[in-house]
Amino acid sequence: MTEIERDIREFIAENFILDAGSLASDASLTQSGVLDSMGVLELIMFIEQRFAITVPDDHAVPENLDSVERIARYVRDMLDAAADAAAGSDARVA
């Protein structure tokens, strides 16, 4: 389990269910009743604060946010994109 996934599981356990450890990584959080629309908004606020990324409205879709696995992949992708953009701007400055 990655640090990102662990942080997501801890957030879910503290805010939505007691035993997020038993939740399968690919289980739908909305279909299983863990998250409702307000829960998704709380999750987005957590992601933005914890990982210092912005989740645009058009990214708030099940493909990105409906399982621990999808959330972790989305966060990694956003962090990688931010790092690539920062590296690109550093290269232009040099």
PDB file of N, CA and C in Angstrom:
ATOM      1  N   MET A   1       0.841  -1.174   0.000  1.00  0.00           N
ATOM      2  CA  MET A   1       0.000   0.000   0.000  1.00  0.00           C
ATOM      3  C   MET A   1       0.892   1.246   0.000  1.00  0.00           C
ATOM      4  N   THR A   2       0.584   2.158  -0.875  1.00  0.00           N
ATOM      5  CA  THR A   2       1.368   3.399  -0.964  1.00  0.00           C
ATOM      6  C   THR A   2       0.940   4.374   0.137  1.00  0.00           C
ATOM      7  N   GLU A   3       1.754   5.388   0.352  1.00  0.00           N
ATOM      8  CA  GLU A   3       1.422   6.420   1.333  1.00  0.00           C
ATOM      9  C   GLU A   3       0.137   7.144   0.932  1.00  0.00           C
ATOM     10  N   ILE A   4      -0.031   7.373  -0.359  1.00  0.00           N
ATOM     11  CA  ILE A   4      -1.239   8.042  -0.848  1.00  0.00           C
ATOM     12  C   ILE A   4      -2.465   7.203  -0.506  1.00  0.00           C
ATOM     13  N   GLU A   5      -2.411   5.913  -0.823  1.00  0.00           N
ATOM     14  CA  GLU A   5      -3.553   5.039  -0.531  1.00  0.00           C
ATOM     15  C   GLU A   5      -3.804   4.972   0.974  1.00  0.00           C
ATOM     16  N   ARG A   6      -2.765   4.889   1.770  1.00  0.00           N
ATOM     17  CA  ARG A   6      -2.926   4.835   3.224  1.00  0.00           C
ATOM     18  C   ARG A   6      -3.619   6.103   3.728  1.00  0.00           C
ATOM     19  N   ASP A   7      -3.198   7.265   3.230  1.00  0.00           N
ATOM     20  CA  ASP A   7      -3.818   8.522   3.642  1.00  0.00           C
ATOM     21  C   ASP A   7      -5.296   8.565   3.253  1.00  0.00           C
ATOM     22  N   ILE A   8      -5.617   8.084   2.076  1.00  0.00           N
ATOM     23  CA  ILE A   8      -7.009   8.060   1.612  1.00  0.00           C
ATOM     24  C   ILE A   8      -7.830   7.135   2.497  1.00  0.00           C
ATOM     25  N   ARG A   9      -7.304   5.941   2.777  1.00  0.00           N
ATOM     26  CA  ARG A   9      -8.008   4.988   3.645  1.00  0.00           C
ATOM     27  C   ARG A   9      -8.219   5.566   5.047  1.00  0.00           C
ATOM     28  N   GLU A  10      -7.224   6.234   5.588  1.00  0.00           N
ATOM     29  CA  GLU A  10      -7.360   6.842   6.913  1.00  0.00           C
ATOM     30  C   GLU A  10      -8.447   7.908   6.904  1.00  0.00           C
ATOM     31  N   PHE A  11      -8.475   8.731   5.855  1.00  0.00           N
ATOM     32  CA  PHE A  11      -9.503   9.756   5.746  1.00  0.00           C
ATOM     33  C   PHE A  11     -10.892   9.114   5.699  1.00  0.00           C
ATOM     34  N   ILE A  12     -11.046   8.095   4.876  1.00  0.00           N
ATOM     35  CA  ILE A  12     -12.340   7.417   4.756  1.00  0.00           C
ATOM     36  C   ILE A  12     -12.738   6.795   6.089  1.00  0.00           C
ATOM     37  N   ALA A  13     -11.801   6.133   6.757  1.00  0.00           N
ATOM     38  CA  ALA A  13     -12.098   5.492   8.039  1.00  0.00           C
ATOM     39  C   ALA A  13     -12.521   6.521   9.089  1.00  0.00           C
ATOM     40  N   GLU A  14     -11.843   7.646   9.127  1.00  0.00           N
ATOM     41  CA  GLU A  14     -12.134   8.660  10.135  1.00  0.00           C
ATOM     42  C   GLU A  14     -13.430   9.418   9.844  1.00  0.00           C
ATOM     43  N   ASN A  15     -13.805   9.511   8.571  1.00  0.00           N
ATOM     44  CA  ASN A  15     -14.934  10.363   8.212  1.00  0.00           C
ATOM     45  C   ASN A  15     -16.184   9.641   7.732  1.00  0.00           C
ATOM     46  N   PHE A  16     -16.057   8.379   7.310  1.00  0.00           N
ATOM     47  CA  PHE A  16     -17.209   7.719   6.707  1.00  0.00           C
ATOM     48  C   PHE A  16     -17.502   6.329   7.260  1.00  0.00           C
ATOM     49  N   ILE A  17     -16.525   5.483   7.387  1.00  0.00           N
ATOM     50  CA  ILE A  17     -16.749   4.134   7.892  1.00  0.00           C
ATOM     51  C   ILE A  17     -15.669   3.771   8.892  1.00  0.00           C
ATOM     52  N   LEU A  18     -15.946   2.780   9.711  1.00  0.00           N
ATOM     53  CA  LEU A  18     -14.999   2.422  10.762  1.00  0.00           C
ATOM     54  C   LEU A  18     -13.821   1.614  10.259  1.00  0.00           C
ATOM     55  N   ASP A  19     -14.044   0.687   9.336  1.00  0.00           N
ATOM     56  CA  ASP A  19     -12.974  -0.222   8.933  1.00  0.00           C
ATOM     57  C   ASP A  19     -12.680  -0.110   7.442  1.00  0.00           C
ATOM     58  N   ALA A  20     -11.967   0.945   7.065  1.00  0.00           N
ATOM     59  CA  ALA A  20     -11.615   1.131   5.659  1.00  0.00           C
ATOM     60  C   ALA A  20     -10.571   0.128   5.220  1.00  0.00           C
ATOM     61  N   GLY A  21      -9.890  -0.500   6.170  1.00  0.00           N
ATOM     62  CA  GLY A  21      -8.875  -1.493   5.827  1.00  0.00           C
ATOM     63  C   GLY A  21      -9.467  -2.706   5.130  1.00  0.00           C
ATOM     64  N   SER A  22     -10.717  -3.022   5.442  1.00  0.00           N
ATOM     65  CA  SER A  22     -11.356  -4.177   4.815  1.00  0.00           C
ATOM     66  C   SER A  22     -12.007  -3.829   3.476  1.00  0.00           C
ATOM     67  N   LEU A  23     -12.021  -2.568   3.135  1.00  0.00           N
ATOM     68  CA  LEU A  23     -12.605  -2.117   1.870  1.00  0.00           C
ATOM     69  C   LEU A  23     -11.666  -2.464   0.721  1.00  0.00           C
ATOM     70  N   ALA A  24     -12.162  -3.201  -0.257  1.00  0.00           N
ATOM     71  CA  ALA A  24     -11.342  -3.543  -1.420  1.00  0.00           C
ATOM     72  C   ALA A  24     -10.930  -2.263  -2.147  1.00  0.00           C
ATOM     73  N   SER A  25      -9.718  -2.246  -2.641  1.00  0.00           N
ATOM     74  CA  SER A  25      -9.194  -1.055  -3.314  1.00  0.00           C
ATOM     75  C   SER A  25     -10.026  -0.635  -4.509  1.00  0.00           C
ATOM     76  N   ASP A  26     -10.664  -1.605  -5.172  1.00  0.00           N
ATOM     77  CA  ASP A  26     -11.446  -1.278  -6.362  1.00  0.00           C
ATOM     78  C   ASP A  26     -12.947  -1.200  -6.099  1.00  0.00           C
ATOM     79  N   ALA A  27     -13.362  -1.268  -4.830  1.00  0.00           N
ATOM     80  CA  ALA A  27     -14.786  -1.192  -4.492  1.00  0.00           C
ATOM     81  C   ALA A  27     -15.317   0.213  -4.727  1.00  0.00           C
ATOM     82  N   SER A  28     -16.488   0.290  -5.343  1.00  0.00           N
ATOM     83  CA  SER A  28     -17.121   1.584  -5.583  1.00  0.00           C
ATOM     84  C   SER A  28     -17.552   2.194  -4.257  1.00  0.00           C
ATOM     85  N   LEU A  29     -17.064   3.387  -3.989  1.00  0.00           N
ATOM     86  CA  LEU A  29     -17.408   4.065  -2.739  1.00  0.00           C
ATOM     87  C   LEU A  29     -18.836   4.588  -2.749  1.00  0.00           C
ATOM     88  N   THR A  30     -19.356   4.914  -3.915  1.00  0.00           N
ATOM     89  CA  THR A  30     -20.736   5.399  -3.983  1.00  0.00           C
ATOM     90  C   THR A  30     -21.722   4.236  -3.986  1.00  0.00           C
ATOM     91  N   GLN A  31     -21.445   3.203  -4.752  1.00  0.00           N
ATOM     92  CA  GLN A  31     -22.355   2.059  -4.802  1.00  0.00           C
ATOM     93  C   GLN A  31     -22.399   1.300  -3.485  1.00  0.00           C
ATOM     94  N   SER A  32     -21.302   1.307  -2.740  1.00  0.00           N
ATOM     95  CA  SER A  32     -21.277   0.625  -1.453  1.00  0.00           C
ATOM     96  C   SER A  32     -21.877   1.482  -0.344  1.00  0.00           C
ATOM     97  N   GLY A  33     -22.226   2.718  -0.658  1.00  0.00           N
ATOM     98  CA  GLY A  33     -22.860   3.597   0.312  1.00  0.00           C
ATOM     99  C   GLY A  33     -21.892   4.335   1.215  1.00  0.00           C
ATOM    100  N   VAL A  34     -20.603   4.241   0.934  1.00  0.00           N
ATOM    101  CA  VAL A  34     -19.608   4.935   1.749  1.00  0.00           C
ATOM    102  C   VAL A  34     -19.692   6.443   1.497  1.00  0.00           C
ATOM    103  N   LEU A  35     -19.791   6.840   0.233  1.00  0.00           N
ATOM    104  CA  LEU A  35     -19.842   8.257  -0.127  1.00  0.00           C
ATOM    105  C   LEU A  35     -21.164   8.610  -0.782  1.00  0.00           C
ATOM    106  N   ASP A  36     -21.729   9.739  -0.384  1.00  0.00           N
ATOM    107  CA  ASP A  36     -22.832  10.341  -1.113  1.00  0.00           C
ATOM    108  C   ASP A  36     -22.293  11.629  -1.730  1.00  0.00           C
ATOM    109  N   SER A  37     -23.143  12.458  -2.274  1.00  0.00           N
ATOM    110  CA  SER A  37     -22.653  13.662  -2.954  1.00  0.00           C
ATOM    111  C   SER A  37     -21.906  14.589  -1.990  1.00  0.00           C
ATOM    112  N   MET A  38     -22.370  14.710  -0.767  1.00  0.00           N
ATOM    113  CA  MET A  38     -21.653  15.533   0.214  1.00  0.00           C
ATOM    114  C   MET A  38     -20.315  14.895   0.571  1.00  0.00           C
ATOM    115  N   GLY A  39     -20.285  13.579   0.645  1.00  0.00           N
ATOM    116  CA  GLY A  39     -19.048  12.865   0.931  1.00  0.00           C
ATOM    117  C   GLY A  39     -18.010  13.083  -0.147  1.00  0.00           C
ATOM    118  N   VAL A  40     -18.463  13.127  -1.392  1.00  0.00           N
ATOM    119  CA  VAL A  40     -17.540  13.376  -2.505  1.00  0.00           C
ATOM    120  C   VAL A  40     -16.928  14.765  -2.369  1.00  0.00           C
ATOM    121  N   LEU A  41     -17.736  15.747  -1.973  1.00  0.00           N
ATOM    122  CA  LEU A  41     -17.210  17.101  -1.770  1.00  0.00           C
ATOM    123  C   LEU A  41     -16.190  17.122  -0.631  1.00  0.00           C
ATOM    124  N   GLU A  42     -16.469  16.395   0.455  1.00  0.00           N
ATOM    125  CA  GLU A  42     -15.511  16.310   1.558  1.00  0.00           C
ATOM    126  C   GLU A  42     -14.216  15.648   1.100  1.00  0.00           C
ATOM    127  N   LEU A  43     -14.354  14.597   0.288  1.00  0.00           N
ATOM    128  CA  LEU A  43     -13.186  13.899  -0.247  1.00  0.00           C
ATOM    129  C   LEU A  43     -12.347  14.840  -1.102  1.00  0.00           C
ATOM    130  N   ILE A  44     -12.989  15.618  -1.947  1.00  0.00           N
ATOM    131  CA  ILE A  44     -12.271  16.568  -2.803  1.00  0.00           C
ATOM    132  C   ILE A  44     -11.531  17.597  -1.952  1.00  0.00           C
ATOM    133  N   MET A  45     -12.178  18.103  -0.913  1.00  0.00           N
ATOM    134  CA  MET A  45     -11.509  19.075  -0.035  1.00  0.00           C
ATOM    135  C   MET A  45     -10.296  18.429   0.646  1.00  0.00           C
ATOM    136  N   PHE A  46     -10.438  17.180   1.073  1.00  0.00           N
ATOM    137  CA  PHE A  46      -9.317  16.469   1.680  1.00  0.00           C
ATOM    138  C   PHE A  46      -8.166  16.324   0.683  1.00  0.00           C
ATOM    139  N   ILE A  47      -8.469  15.885  -0.530  1.00  0.00           N
ATOM    140  CA  ILE A  47      -7.432  15.695  -1.556  1.00  0.00           C
ATOM    141  C   ILE A  47      -6.700  17.007  -1.809  1.00  0.00           C
ATOM    142  N   GLU A  48      -7.465  18.078  -1.966  1.00  0.00           N
ATOM    143  CA  GLU A  48      -6.843  19.371  -2.259  1.00  0.00           C
ATOM    144  C   GLU A  48      -5.960  19.842  -1.111  1.00  0.00           C
ATOM    145  N   GLN A  49      -6.413  19.650   0.116  1.00  0.00           N
ATOM    146  CA  GLN A  49      -5.620  20.098   1.266  1.00  0.00           C
ATOM    147  C   GLN A  49      -4.427  19.190   1.522  1.00  0.00           C
ATOM    148  N   ARG A  50      -4.643  17.893   1.515  1.00  0.00           N
ATOM    149  CA  ARG A  50      -3.584  16.942   1.883  1.00  0.00           C
ATOM    150  C   ARG A  50      -2.469  16.888   0.840  1.00  0.00           C
ATOM    151  N   PHE A  51      -2.847  16.915  -0.444  1.00  0.00           N
ATOM    152  CA  PHE A  51      -1.867  16.718  -1.501  1.00  0.00           C
ATOM    153  C   PHE A  51      -1.530  18.002  -2.257  1.00  0.00           C
ATOM    154  N   ALA A  52      -2.103  19.123  -1.832  1.00  0.00           N
ATOM    155  CA  ALA A  52      -1.827  20.434  -2.427  1.00  0.00           C
ATOM    156  C   ALA A  52      -2.032  20.448  -3.937  1.00  0.00           C
ATOM    157  N   ILE A  53      -3.164  19.864  -4.351  1.00  0.00           N
ATOM    158  CA  ILE A  53      -3.545  19.897  -5.768  1.00  0.00           C
ATOM    159  C   ILE A  53      -4.965  20.440  -5.859  1.00  0.00           C
ATOM    160  N   THR A  54      -5.316  20.929  -7.017  1.00  0.00           N
ATOM    161  CA  THR A  54      -6.672  21.392  -7.266  1.00  0.00           C
ATOM    162  C   THR A  54      -7.400  20.350  -8.095  1.00  0.00           C
ATOM    163  N   VAL A  55      -8.618  20.021  -7.667  1.00  0.00           N
ATOM    164  CA  VAL A  55      -9.450  19.075  -8.408  1.00  0.00           C
ATOM    165  C   VAL A  55     -10.481  19.903  -9.170  1.00  0.00           C
ATOM    166  N   PRO A  56     -10.274  20.096 -10.470  1.00  0.00           N
ATOM    167  CA  PRO A  56     -11.248  20.860 -11.253  1.00  0.00           C
ATOM    168  C   PRO A  56     -12.613  20.157 -11.255  1.00  0.00           C
ATOM    169  N   ASP A  57     -13.672  20.940 -11.413  1.00  0.00           N
ATOM    170  CA  ASP A  57     -15.019  20.373 -11.406  1.00  0.00           C
ATOM    171  C   ASP A  57     -15.168  19.234 -12.408  1.00  0.00           C
ATOM    172  N   ASP A  58     -14.564  19.379 -13.586  1.00  0.00           N
ATOM    173  CA  ASP A  58     -14.724  18.340 -14.603  1.00  0.00           C
ATOM    174  C   ASP A  58     -13.924  17.077 -14.299  1.00  0.00           C
ATOM    175  N   HIS A  59     -13.125  17.086 -13.241  1.00  0.00           N
ATOM    176  CA  HIS A  59     -12.394  15.890 -12.810  1.00  0.00           C
ATOM    177  C   HIS A  59     -13.140  15.137 -11.715  1.00  0.00           C
ATOM    178  N   ALA A  60     -14.205  15.737 -11.177  1.00  0.00           N
ATOM    179  CA  ALA A  60     -14.968  15.131 -10.087  1.00  0.00           C
ATOM    180  C   ALA A  60     -15.965  14.123 -10.652  1.00  0.00           C
ATOM    181  N   VAL A  61     -15.435  13.073 -11.233  1.00  0.00           N
ATOM    182  CA  VAL A  61     -16.232  12.026 -11.870  1.00  0.00           C
ATOM    183  C   VAL A  61     -15.854  10.667 -11.277  1.00  0.00           C
ATOM    184  N   PRO A  62     -16.753   9.680 -11.380  1.00  0.00           N
ATOM    185  CA  PRO A  62     -16.455   8.360 -10.822  1.00  0.00           C
ATOM    186  C   PRO A  62     -15.151   7.749 -11.330  1.00  0.00           C
ATOM    187  N   GLU A  63     -14.787   8.030 -12.568  1.00  0.00           N
ATOM    188  CA  GLU A  63     -13.556   7.476 -13.122  1.00  0.00           C
ATOM    189  C   GLU A  63     -12.336   7.900 -12.306  1.00  0.00           C
ATOM    190  N   ASN A  64     -12.434   9.025 -11.593  1.00  0.00           N
ATOM    191  CA  ASN A  64     -11.326   9.531 -10.791  1.00  0.00           C
ATOM    192  C   ASN A  64     -11.511   9.313  -9.289  1.00  0.00           C
ATOM    193  N   LEU A  65     -12.749   9.270  -8.820  1.00  0.00           N
ATOM    194  CA  LEU A  65     -12.983   9.379  -7.387  1.00  0.00           C
ATOM    195  C   LEU A  65     -13.901   8.314  -6.786  1.00  0.00           C
ATOM    196  N   ASP A  66     -14.125   7.194  -7.453  1.00  0.00           N
ATOM    197  CA  ASP A  66     -15.124   6.250  -6.943  1.00  0.00           C
ATOM    198  C   ASP A  66     -14.543   5.004  -6.275  1.00  0.00           C
ATOM    199  N   SER A  67     -13.260   4.928  -6.100  1.00  0.00           N
ATOM    200  CA  SER A  67     -12.656   3.827  -5.337  1.00  0.00           C
ATOM    201  C   SER A  67     -11.310   4.310  -4.806  1.00  0.00           C
ATOM    202  N   VAL A  68     -10.825   3.628  -3.800  1.00  0.00           N
ATOM    203  CA  VAL A  68      -9.516   3.996  -3.249  1.00  0.00           C
ATOM    204  C   VAL A  68      -8.463   3.915  -4.343  1.00  0.00           C
ATOM    205  N   GLU A  69      -8.531   2.883  -5.149  1.00  0.00           N
ATOM    206  CA  GLU A  69      -7.567   2.684  -6.241  1.00  0.00           C
ATOM    207  C   GLU A  69      -7.617   3.847  -7.238  1.00  0.00           C
ATOM    208  N   ARG A  70      -8.828   4.235  -7.638  1.00  0.00           N
ATOM    209  CA  ARG A  70      -8.980   5.329  -8.610  1.00  0.00           C
ATOM    210  C   ARG A  70      -8.530   6.665  -8.027  1.00  0.00           C
ATOM    211  N   ILE A  71      -8.854   6.901  -6.760  1.00  0.00           N
ATOM    212  CA  ILE A  71      -8.452   8.152  -6.122  1.00  0.00           C
ATOM    213  C   ILE A  71      -6.929   8.230  -6.048  1.00  0.00           C
ATOM    214  N   ALA A  72      -6.305   7.138  -5.612  1.00  0.00           N
ATOM    215  CA  ALA A  72      -4.835   7.114  -5.488  1.00  0.00           C
ATOM    216  C   ALA A  72      -4.184   7.332  -6.853  1.00  0.00           C
ATOM    217  N   ARG A  73      -4.708   6.697  -7.888  1.00  0.00           N
ATOM    218  CA  ARG A  73      -4.157   6.871  -9.240  1.00  0.00           C
ATOM    219  C   ARG A  73      -4.337   8.317  -9.696  1.00  0.00           C
ATOM    220  N   TYR A  74      -5.516   8.882  -9.449  1.00  0.00           N
ATOM    221  CA  TYR A  74      -5.780  10.269  -9.833  1.00  0.00           C
ATOM    222  C   TYR A  74      -4.800  11.221  -9.131  1.00  0.00           C
ATOM    223  N   VAL A  75      -4.621  11.027  -7.822  1.00  0.00           N
ATOM    224  CA  VAL A  75      -3.702  11.889  -7.065  1.00  0.00           C
ATOM    225  C   VAL A  75      -2.288  11.751  -7.612  1.00  0.00           C
ATOM    226  N   ARG A  76      -1.836  10.510  -7.847  1.00  0.00           N
ATOM    227  CA  ARG A  76      -0.484  10.302  -8.405  1.00  0.00           C
ATOM    228  C   ARG A  76      -0.353  11.002  -9.752  1.00  0.00           C
ATOM    229  N   ASP A  77      -1.359  10.850 -10.612  1.00  0.00           N
ATOM    230  CA  ASP A  77      -1.318  11.485 -11.935  1.00  0.00           C
ATOM    231  C   ASP A  77      -1.252  13.014 -11.825  1.00  0.00           C
ATOM    232  N   MET A  78      -2.028  13.572 -10.916  1.00  0.00           N
ATOM    233  CA  MET A  78      -2.027  15.027 -10.741  1.00  0.00           C
ATOM    234  C   MET A  78      -0.690  15.505 -10.168  1.00  0.00           C
ATOM    235  N   LEU A  79      -0.139  14.766  -9.221  1.00  0.00           N
ATOM    236  CA  LEU A  79       1.164  15.134  -8.658  1.00  0.00           C
ATOM    237  C   LEU A  79       2.264  15.018  -9.711  1.00  0.00           C
ATOM    238  N   ASP A  80       2.200  13.961 -10.525  1.00  0.00           N
ATOM    239  CA  ASP A  80       3.178  13.802 -11.603  1.00  0.00           C
ATOM    240  C   ASP A  80       3.068  14.939 -12.611  1.00  0.00           C
ATOM    241  N   ALA A  81       1.829  15.323 -12.974  1.00  0.00           N
ATOM    242  CA  ALA A  81       1.626  16.415 -13.928  1.00  0.00           C
ATOM    243  C   ALA A  81       2.165  17.725 -13.364  1.00  0.00           C
ATOM    244  N   ALA A  82       1.939  17.957 -12.071  1.00  0.00           N
ATOM    245  CA  ALA A  82       2.446  19.182 -11.447  1.00  0.00           C
ATOM    246  C   ALA A  82       3.975  19.185 -11.433  1.00  0.00           C
ATOM    247  N   ALA A  83       4.573  18.033 -11.148  1.00  0.00           N
ATOM    248  CA  ALA A  83       6.041  17.926 -11.136  1.00  0.00           C
ATOM    249  C   ALA A  83       6.596  18.141 -12.536  1.00  0.00           C
ATOM    250  N   ASP A  84       5.934  17.566 -13.543  1.00  0.00           N
ATOM    251  CA  ASP A  84       6.385  17.739 -14.929  1.00  0.00           C
ATOM    252  C   ASP A  84       6.280  19.209 -15.348  1.00  0.00           C
ATOM    253  N   ALA A  85       5.196  19.860 -14.948  1.00  0.00           N
ATOM    254  CA  ALA A  85       5.021  21.257 -15.302  1.00  0.00           C
ATOM    255  C   ALA A  85       6.089  22.121 -14.615  1.00  0.00           C
ATOM    256  N   ALA A  86       6.391  21.791 -13.360  1.00  0.00           N
ATOM    257  CA  ALA A  86       7.419  22.542 -12.643  1.00  0.00           C
ATOM    258  C   ALA A  86       8.778  22.302 -13.271  1.00  0.00           C
ATOM    259  N   ALA A  87       9.065  21.083 -13.671  1.00  0.00           N
ATOM    260  CA  ALA A  87      10.343  20.779 -14.316  1.00  0.00           C
ATOM    261  C   ALA A  87      10.444  21.503 -15.657  1.00  0.00           C
ATOM    262  N   GLY A  88       9.348  21.574 -16.374  1.00  0.00           N
ATOM    263  CA  GLY A  88       9.343  22.283 -17.654  1.00  0.00           C
ATOM    264  C   GLY A  88       9.585  23.760 -17.482  1.00  0.00           C
ATOM    265  N   SER A  89       8.989  24.353 -16.441  1.00  0.00           N
ATOM    266  CA  SER A  89       9.219  25.775 -16.222  1.00  0.00           C
ATOM    267  C   SER A  89      10.627  26.035 -15.729  1.00  0.00           C
ATOM    268  N   ASP A  90      11.203  25.105 -14.965  1.00  0.00           N
ATOM    269  CA  ASP A  90      12.598  25.234 -14.525  1.00  0.00           C
ATOM    270  C   ASP A  90      13.538  25.170 -15.715  1.00  0.00           C
ATOM    271  N   ALA A  91      13.234  24.317 -16.678  1.00  0.00           N
ATOM    272  CA  ALA A  91      14.094  24.171 -17.861  1.00  0.00           C
ATOM    273  C   ALA A  91      14.055  25.440 -18.703  1.00  0.00           C
ATOM    274  N   ARG A  92      12.886  26.094 -18.767  1.00  0.00           N
ATOM    275  CA  ARG A  92      12.769  27.313 -19.562  1.00  0.00           C
ATOM    276  C   ARG A  92      13.518  28.474 -18.900  1.00  0.00           C
ATOM    277  N   VAL A  93      13.576  28.448 -17.584  1.00  0.00           N
ATOM    278  CA  VAL A  93      14.268  29.517 -16.852  1.00  0.00           C
ATOM    279  C   VAL A  93      15.777  29.399 -17.015  1.00  0.00           C
ATOM    280  N   ALA A  94      16.289  28.170 -17.057  1.00  0.00           N
ATOM    281  CA  ALA A  94      17.734  27.946 -17.113  1.00  0.00           C
ATOM    282  C   ALA A  94      18.316  28.285 -18.425  1.00  0.00           C
TER     283      ALA A  94
END
